[in-house]
Every structure is written in structure tokens, then in C-alpha cells.
């Protein structure tokens, strides 16, 4: 069983992780076998996500990381807090995702992923 604080931090980081994975909420819901509404609640409502959800999403992330180097870097920065391993801080990473979400807008998750990948490899 995971600590509630760990689950809450994971929930808060999920939008950033989704951005690097190139997943929409619809993609996540489909991969988890849940409704879009459930995926929205998991990501946005505190105390909704349970240990089983974290494990299921972690499986999807691990699978995606096999081919997505930038997602691996994102995870290191967000989850593992690999301080000093990258020139990008957790705070800068979160800020950049928020900035790009505003500029990318309706272009979609794939475009956001591409722009984040370009930024990470600069």
C-alpha cells in the first residue's frame, strides 16, 4: 500500500507526465479501461486515486518510457528528484509544461509532446 502523500504527489504530477507521454485524458482513460470522467477525477480530484490506479498508470508509463527518452528524463526530474543529473529543475519543468499548454492549445497532445521533447534536448 502506498502512502497517501506519495499518491497525491503522483496525482499532481500526472498532467506533466501525460504531456511528455503525448497522452490526452481520453488516451489515458482508454488505456486504463475507464471512462473519460473517471480519468478526469483521478487526475483532478484529491483523494480519488488509489494504489491500484498508481500501479496501473506506472505500468503504462514504464511501457512508454521504453521508446520515449524525454519521458524518462521527466520521470527522473519529477518522481525520483534526480537533483543535479539534469540542468532542468522540477520547477522549470512544470513551468515549461504550463507555458506550452497555453501556446499549443488545441493542437493536441502529440504537438505538446514534440515541443517538450525539443525543449528537453536543447
N, C-alpha and C. Protein backbone atom coordinates (compact mmCIF):
# COMPACT_ATOMS: atom_id res chain seq x y z
N UNK A 1 0.84 -1.18 0.00
CA UNK A 1 0.00 0.00 0.00
C UNK A 1 0.89 1.25 0.00
N UNK A 2 0.59 2.16 -0.87
CA UNK A 2 1.37 3.39 -0.97
C UNK A 2 0.87 4.43 0.02
N UNK A 3 1.78 5.24 0.50
CA UNK A 3 1.47 6.35 1.38
C UNK A 3 0.58 7.35 0.64
N UNK A 4 -0.38 7.93 1.34
CA UNK A 4 -1.29 8.90 0.74
C UNK A 4 -0.57 10.09 0.12
N UNK A 5 0.52 10.53 0.74
CA UNK A 5 1.29 11.66 0.21
C UNK A 5 1.95 11.31 -1.12
N UNK A 6 2.42 10.06 -1.24
CA UNK A 6 3.02 9.60 -2.49
C UNK A 6 1.97 9.58 -3.60
N UNK A 7 0.81 9.06 -3.28
CA UNK A 7 -0.29 9.01 -4.26
C UNK A 7 -0.69 10.42 -4.68
N UNK A 8 -0.80 11.32 -3.72
CA UNK A 8 -1.20 12.70 -4.02
C UNK A 8 -0.17 13.39 -4.91
N UNK A 9 1.10 13.20 -4.63
CA UNK A 9 2.14 13.80 -5.46
C UNK A 9 2.09 13.23 -6.88
N UNK A 10 1.87 11.93 -6.98
CA UNK A 10 1.74 11.29 -8.29
C UNK A 10 0.55 11.88 -9.05
N UNK A 11 -0.57 12.06 -8.37
CA UNK A 11 -1.76 12.64 -8.99
C UNK A 11 -1.46 14.04 -9.52
N UNK A 12 -0.75 14.83 -8.74
CA UNK A 12 -0.42 16.19 -9.15
C UNK A 12 0.55 16.21 -10.33
N UNK A 13 1.42 15.21 -10.38
CA UNK A 13 2.40 15.14 -11.47
C UNK A 13 1.84 14.52 -12.75
N UNK A 14 0.72 13.86 -12.66
CA UNK A 14 0.17 13.14 -13.81
C UNK A 14 -0.03 14.01 -15.05
N UNK A 15 -0.53 15.24 -14.95
CA UNK A 15 -0.68 16.06 -16.16
C UNK A 15 0.67 16.34 -16.85
N UNK A 16 1.72 16.50 -16.07
CA UNK A 16 3.05 16.73 -16.64
C UNK A 16 3.53 15.46 -17.34
N UNK A 17 3.35 14.33 -16.69
CA UNK A 17 3.75 13.05 -17.25
C UNK A 17 2.97 12.78 -18.54
N UNK A 18 1.67 13.04 -18.51
CA UNK A 18 0.85 12.84 -19.72
C UNK A 18 1.35 13.70 -20.87
N UNK A 19 1.76 14.93 -20.55
CA UNK A 19 2.26 15.83 -21.59
C UNK A 19 3.50 15.24 -22.26
N UNK A 20 4.42 14.71 -21.48
CA UNK A 20 5.63 14.12 -22.04
C UNK A 20 5.35 12.80 -22.76
N UNK A 21 4.31 12.11 -22.33
CA UNK A 21 3.95 10.86 -22.99
C UNK A 21 3.16 11.12 -24.28
N UNK A 22 2.57 12.32 -24.38
CA UNK A 22 1.74 12.63 -25.54
C UNK A 22 0.34 12.06 -25.44
N UNK A 23 -0.11 11.85 -24.21
CA UNK A 23 -1.43 11.26 -23.97
C UNK A 23 -2.46 12.33 -23.64
N UNK A 24 -3.62 12.22 -24.22
CA UNK A 24 -4.76 13.03 -23.80
C UNK A 24 -5.42 12.30 -22.63
N UNK A 25 -6.36 12.95 -21.99
CA UNK A 25 -7.13 12.25 -20.95
C UNK A 25 -7.90 11.09 -21.55
N UNK A 26 -8.36 11.26 -22.78
CA UNK A 26 -9.09 10.18 -23.47
C UNK A 26 -8.17 8.98 -23.69
N UNK A 27 -6.92 9.24 -24.09
CA UNK A 27 -5.96 8.15 -24.28
C UNK A 27 -5.74 7.40 -22.97
N UNK A 28 -5.52 8.16 -21.90
CA UNK A 28 -5.29 7.55 -20.60
C UNK A 28 -6.49 6.72 -20.17
N UNK A 29 -7.68 7.27 -20.32
CA UNK A 29 -8.89 6.54 -19.94
C UNK A 29 -9.00 5.23 -20.73
N UNK A 30 -8.75 5.30 -22.01
CA UNK A 30 -8.84 4.10 -22.86
C UNK A 30 -7.82 3.05 -22.43
N UNK A 31 -6.59 3.48 -22.18
CA UNK A 31 -5.54 2.53 -21.78
C UNK A 31 -5.84 1.89 -20.42
N UNK A 32 -6.50 2.64 -19.54
CA UNK A 32 -6.85 2.12 -18.22
C UNK A 32 -8.16 1.33 -18.24
N UNK A 33 -8.93 1.49 -19.31
CA UNK A 33 -10.22 0.81 -19.39
C UNK A 33 -11.27 1.46 -18.50
N UNK A 34 -11.19 2.80 -18.38
CA UNK A 34 -12.15 3.54 -17.57
C UNK A 34 -12.77 4.65 -18.44
N UNK A 35 -13.78 5.29 -17.92
CA UNK A 35 -14.41 6.39 -18.66
C UNK A 35 -13.52 7.63 -18.59
N UNK A 36 -13.76 8.56 -19.51
CA UNK A 36 -13.02 9.82 -19.50
C UNK A 36 -13.28 10.57 -18.19
N UNK A 37 -14.51 10.50 -17.71
CA UNK A 37 -14.86 11.15 -16.44
C UNK A 37 -14.03 10.59 -15.30
N UNK A 38 -13.87 9.29 -15.27
CA UNK A 38 -13.05 8.67 -14.22
C UNK A 38 -11.61 9.15 -14.31
N UNK A 39 -11.08 9.21 -15.54
CA UNK A 39 -9.70 9.69 -15.72
C UNK A 39 -9.56 11.14 -15.25
N UNK A 40 -10.56 11.96 -15.54
CA UNK A 40 -10.55 13.36 -15.09
C UNK A 40 -10.53 13.41 -13.56
N UNK A 41 -11.37 12.60 -12.93
CA UNK A 41 -11.41 12.57 -11.47
C UNK A 41 -10.09 12.08 -10.88
N UNK A 42 -9.50 11.06 -11.48
CA UNK A 42 -8.22 10.54 -10.98
C UNK A 42 -7.15 11.62 -11.00
N UNK A 43 -7.16 12.42 -12.06
CA UNK A 43 -6.13 13.44 -12.22
C UNK A 43 -6.41 14.72 -11.44
N UNK A 44 -7.68 15.06 -11.28
CA UNK A 44 -8.02 16.39 -10.75
C UNK A 44 -8.60 16.43 -9.35
N UNK A 45 -9.10 15.32 -8.84
CA UNK A 45 -9.74 15.34 -7.53
C UNK A 45 -8.84 14.68 -6.48
N UNK A 46 -8.46 15.44 -5.47
CA UNK A 46 -7.66 14.85 -4.40
C UNK A 46 -8.37 13.66 -3.76
N UNK A 47 -7.60 12.70 -3.33
CA UNK A 47 -8.09 11.51 -2.62
C UNK A 47 -8.96 10.59 -3.48
N UNK A 48 -8.92 10.75 -4.80
CA UNK A 48 -9.67 9.86 -5.69
C UNK A 48 -8.80 8.70 -6.15
N UNK A 49 -7.53 9.00 -6.40
CA UNK A 49 -6.61 7.99 -6.89
C UNK A 49 -6.24 7.03 -5.77
N UNK A 50 -6.23 5.76 -6.11
CA UNK A 50 -5.88 4.70 -5.16
C UNK A 50 -4.59 4.02 -5.61
N UNK A 51 -4.03 3.20 -4.75
CA UNK A 51 -2.80 2.49 -5.06
C UNK A 51 -2.90 1.72 -6.37
N UNK A 52 -4.00 1.05 -6.60
CA UNK A 52 -4.17 0.26 -7.82
C UNK A 52 -4.09 1.14 -9.07
N UNK A 53 -4.59 2.36 -8.99
CA UNK A 53 -4.50 3.29 -10.12
C UNK A 53 -3.05 3.68 -10.38
N UNK A 54 -2.32 3.96 -9.31
CA UNK A 54 -0.91 4.32 -9.44
C UNK A 54 -0.15 3.18 -10.11
N UNK A 55 -0.38 1.95 -9.67
CA UNK A 55 0.31 0.81 -10.27
C UNK A 55 -0.05 0.66 -11.74
N UNK A 56 -1.32 0.79 -12.07
CA UNK A 56 -1.75 0.65 -13.46
C UNK A 56 -1.14 1.74 -14.34
N UNK A 57 -1.16 2.97 -13.86
CA UNK A 57 -0.59 4.09 -14.64
C UNK A 57 0.92 3.94 -14.72
N UNK A 58 1.56 3.50 -13.65
CA UNK A 58 3.00 3.27 -13.67
C UNK A 58 3.38 2.23 -14.72
N UNK A 59 2.56 1.21 -14.87
CA UNK A 59 2.82 0.20 -15.90
C UNK A 59 2.79 0.84 -17.28
N UNK A 60 1.78 1.68 -17.53
CA UNK A 60 1.68 2.36 -18.82
C UNK A 60 2.87 3.29 -19.05
N UNK A 61 3.28 3.98 -18.01
CA UNK A 61 4.43 4.89 -18.10
C UNK A 61 5.70 4.09 -18.40
N UNK A 62 5.91 3.00 -17.70
CA UNK A 62 7.11 2.18 -17.90
C UNK A 62 7.17 1.67 -19.34
N UNK A 63 6.03 1.27 -19.87
CA UNK A 63 5.98 0.79 -21.25
C UNK A 63 6.31 1.91 -22.23
N UNK A 64 5.79 3.10 -21.98
CA UNK A 64 6.05 4.26 -22.84
C UNK A 64 7.51 4.70 -22.75
N UNK A 65 8.11 4.57 -21.57
CA UNK A 65 9.49 5.00 -21.37
C UNK A 65 10.48 4.20 -22.21
N UNK A 66 10.09 3.01 -22.65
CA UNK A 66 10.98 2.19 -23.47
C UNK A 66 11.35 2.88 -24.78
N UNK A 67 10.45 3.73 -25.27
CA UNK A 67 10.70 4.41 -26.56
C UNK A 67 10.68 5.93 -26.44
N UNK A 68 10.51 6.46 -25.25
CA UNK A 68 10.36 7.90 -25.06
C UNK A 68 11.40 8.39 -24.05
N UNK A 69 12.55 8.79 -24.56
CA UNK A 69 13.66 9.22 -23.72
C UNK A 69 13.30 10.44 -22.87
N UNK A 70 12.57 11.38 -23.45
CA UNK A 70 12.21 12.59 -22.72
C UNK A 70 11.27 12.29 -21.56
N UNK A 71 10.39 11.31 -21.73
CA UNK A 71 9.53 10.91 -20.62
C UNK A 71 10.37 10.34 -19.48
N UNK A 72 11.38 9.56 -19.83
CA UNK A 72 12.28 9.02 -18.80
C UNK A 72 12.96 10.14 -18.03
N UNK A 73 13.42 11.16 -18.75
CA UNK A 73 14.04 12.31 -18.10
C UNK A 73 13.03 13.03 -17.22
N UNK A 74 11.82 13.19 -17.71
CA UNK A 74 10.74 13.84 -16.95
C UNK A 74 10.51 13.10 -15.63
N UNK A 75 10.42 11.79 -15.71
CA UNK A 75 10.18 10.97 -14.52
C UNK A 75 11.33 11.14 -13.53
N UNK A 76 12.56 11.13 -14.04
CA UNK A 76 13.71 11.35 -13.16
C UNK A 76 13.59 12.67 -12.42
N UNK A 77 13.22 13.70 -13.14
CA UNK A 77 13.13 15.03 -12.54
C UNK A 77 11.95 15.13 -11.58
N UNK A 78 10.78 14.64 -11.98
CA UNK A 78 9.57 14.76 -11.15
C UNK A 78 9.52 13.77 -10.00
N UNK A 79 9.66 12.52 -10.31
CA UNK A 79 9.38 11.47 -9.33
C UNK A 79 10.62 11.11 -8.51
N UNK A 80 11.70 10.91 -9.19
CA UNK A 80 12.90 10.46 -8.49
C UNK A 80 13.71 11.62 -7.94
N UNK A 81 13.34 12.84 -8.32
CA UNK A 81 14.05 14.03 -7.86
C UNK A 81 15.56 13.89 -8.01
N UNK A 82 15.96 13.51 -9.20
CA UNK A 82 17.37 13.29 -9.51
C UNK A 82 18.09 14.63 -9.60
N UNK A 83 18.29 15.25 -8.45
CA UNK A 83 18.87 16.59 -8.39
C UNK A 83 20.30 16.57 -8.91
N UNK A 84 20.58 17.50 -9.80
CA UNK A 84 21.92 17.62 -10.34
C UNK A 84 22.19 16.79 -11.57
N UNK A 85 21.37 15.80 -11.86
CA UNK A 85 21.60 14.95 -13.03
C UNK A 85 21.22 15.68 -14.32
N UNK A 86 20.32 16.65 -14.22
CA UNK A 86 19.86 17.40 -15.38
C UNK A 86 19.97 18.89 -15.09
N UNK A 87 20.11 19.66 -16.14
CA UNK A 87 20.19 21.12 -15.95
C UNK A 87 18.80 21.72 -15.75
N UNK A 88 17.77 20.91 -15.86
CA UNK A 88 16.39 21.37 -15.72
C UNK A 88 15.89 20.99 -14.33
N UNK A 89 15.36 21.97 -13.61
CA UNK A 89 14.80 21.69 -12.28
C UNK A 89 13.34 21.26 -12.40
N UNK A 90 12.84 20.69 -11.34
CA UNK A 90 11.43 20.30 -11.28
C UNK A 90 10.54 21.52 -11.55
N UNK A 91 10.88 22.64 -10.91
CA UNK A 91 10.09 23.86 -11.05
C UNK A 91 10.10 24.35 -12.50
N UNK A 92 11.26 24.33 -13.15
CA UNK A 92 11.36 24.75 -14.56
C UNK A 92 10.57 23.82 -15.47
N UNK A 93 10.60 22.54 -15.17
CA UNK A 93 9.86 21.56 -15.96
C UNK A 93 8.36 21.82 -15.90
N UNK A 94 7.85 21.99 -14.71
CA UNK A 94 6.41 22.25 -14.52
C UNK A 94 6.02 23.56 -15.20
N UNK A 95 6.85 24.59 -15.04
CA UNK A 95 6.57 25.89 -15.66
C UNK A 95 6.53 25.78 -17.18
N UNK A 96 7.47 25.06 -17.76
CA UNK A 96 7.52 24.93 -19.22
C UNK A 96 6.29 24.20 -19.75
N UNK A 97 5.86 23.16 -19.07
CA UNK A 97 4.66 22.44 -19.50
C UNK A 97 3.46 23.37 -19.48
N UNK A 98 3.31 24.14 -18.42
CA UNK A 98 2.19 25.07 -18.32
C UNK A 98 2.24 26.12 -19.44
N UNK A 99 3.43 26.65 -19.71
CA UNK A 99 3.58 27.63 -20.79
C UNK A 99 3.20 27.03 -22.15
N UNK A 100 3.71 25.84 -22.42
CA UNK A 100 3.44 25.21 -23.72
C UNK A 100 1.98 24.80 -23.87
N UNK A 101 1.36 24.41 -22.77
CA UNK A 101 -0.07 24.07 -22.84
C UNK A 101 -0.88 25.27 -23.34
N UNK A 102 -0.49 26.46 -22.92
CA UNK A 102 -1.20 27.67 -23.34
C UNK A 102 -0.96 27.96 -24.81
N UNK A 103 0.27 27.79 -25.28
CA UNK A 103 0.59 28.12 -26.67
C UNK A 103 0.17 27.03 -27.64
N UNK A 104 0.28 25.78 -27.23
CA UNK A 104 -0.10 24.67 -28.10
C UNK A 104 -1.61 24.58 -28.21
N UNK A 105 -2.27 24.79 -27.09
CA UNK A 105 -3.73 24.81 -27.06
C UNK A 105 -4.38 23.60 -27.69
N UNK A 106 -5.19 23.84 -28.68
CA UNK A 106 -5.99 22.79 -29.30
C UNK A 106 -5.20 21.93 -30.30
N UNK A 107 -3.93 22.24 -30.50
CA UNK A 107 -3.14 21.46 -31.44
C UNK A 107 -3.02 20.01 -30.99
N UNK A 108 -3.12 19.79 -29.70
CA UNK A 108 -3.16 18.43 -29.21
C UNK A 108 -1.95 17.94 -28.45
N UNK A 109 -2.14 16.79 -27.87
CA UNK A 109 -1.14 16.19 -27.00
C UNK A 109 0.14 15.82 -27.76
N UNK A 110 0.00 15.37 -28.98
CA UNK A 110 1.18 14.98 -29.77
C UNK A 110 2.07 16.19 -30.04
N UNK A 111 1.46 17.33 -30.37
CA UNK A 111 2.23 18.55 -30.60
C UNK A 111 2.92 19.01 -29.32
N UNK A 112 2.22 18.92 -28.21
CA UNK A 112 2.80 19.29 -26.92
C UNK A 112 4.01 18.40 -26.62
N UNK A 113 3.86 17.11 -26.84
CA UNK A 113 4.95 16.16 -26.62
C UNK A 113 6.16 16.53 -27.49
N UNK A 114 5.92 16.84 -28.75
CA UNK A 114 7.01 17.19 -29.67
C UNK A 114 7.74 18.45 -29.20
N UNK A 115 6.99 19.44 -28.79
CA UNK A 115 7.61 20.69 -28.34
C UNK A 115 8.37 20.49 -27.04
N UNK A 116 7.84 19.67 -26.14
CA UNK A 116 8.56 19.37 -24.90
C UNK A 116 9.84 18.59 -25.18
N UNK A 117 9.76 17.65 -26.11
CA UNK A 117 10.94 16.88 -26.48
C UNK A 117 12.04 17.78 -27.03
N UNK A 118 11.64 18.70 -27.89
CA UNK A 118 12.61 19.65 -28.47
C UNK A 118 13.24 20.50 -27.36
N UNK A 119 12.41 20.96 -26.43
CA UNK A 119 12.91 21.79 -25.32
C UNK A 119 13.88 20.99 -24.44
N UNK A 120 13.56 19.73 -24.15
CA UNK A 120 14.40 18.92 -23.28
C UNK A 120 15.77 18.64 -23.90
N UNK A 121 15.83 18.57 -25.21
CA UNK A 121 17.08 18.20 -25.87
C UNK A 121 17.88 19.41 -26.35
N UNK A 122 17.42 20.62 -26.04
CA UNK A 122 18.15 21.84 -26.44
C UNK A 122 19.50 21.90 -25.78
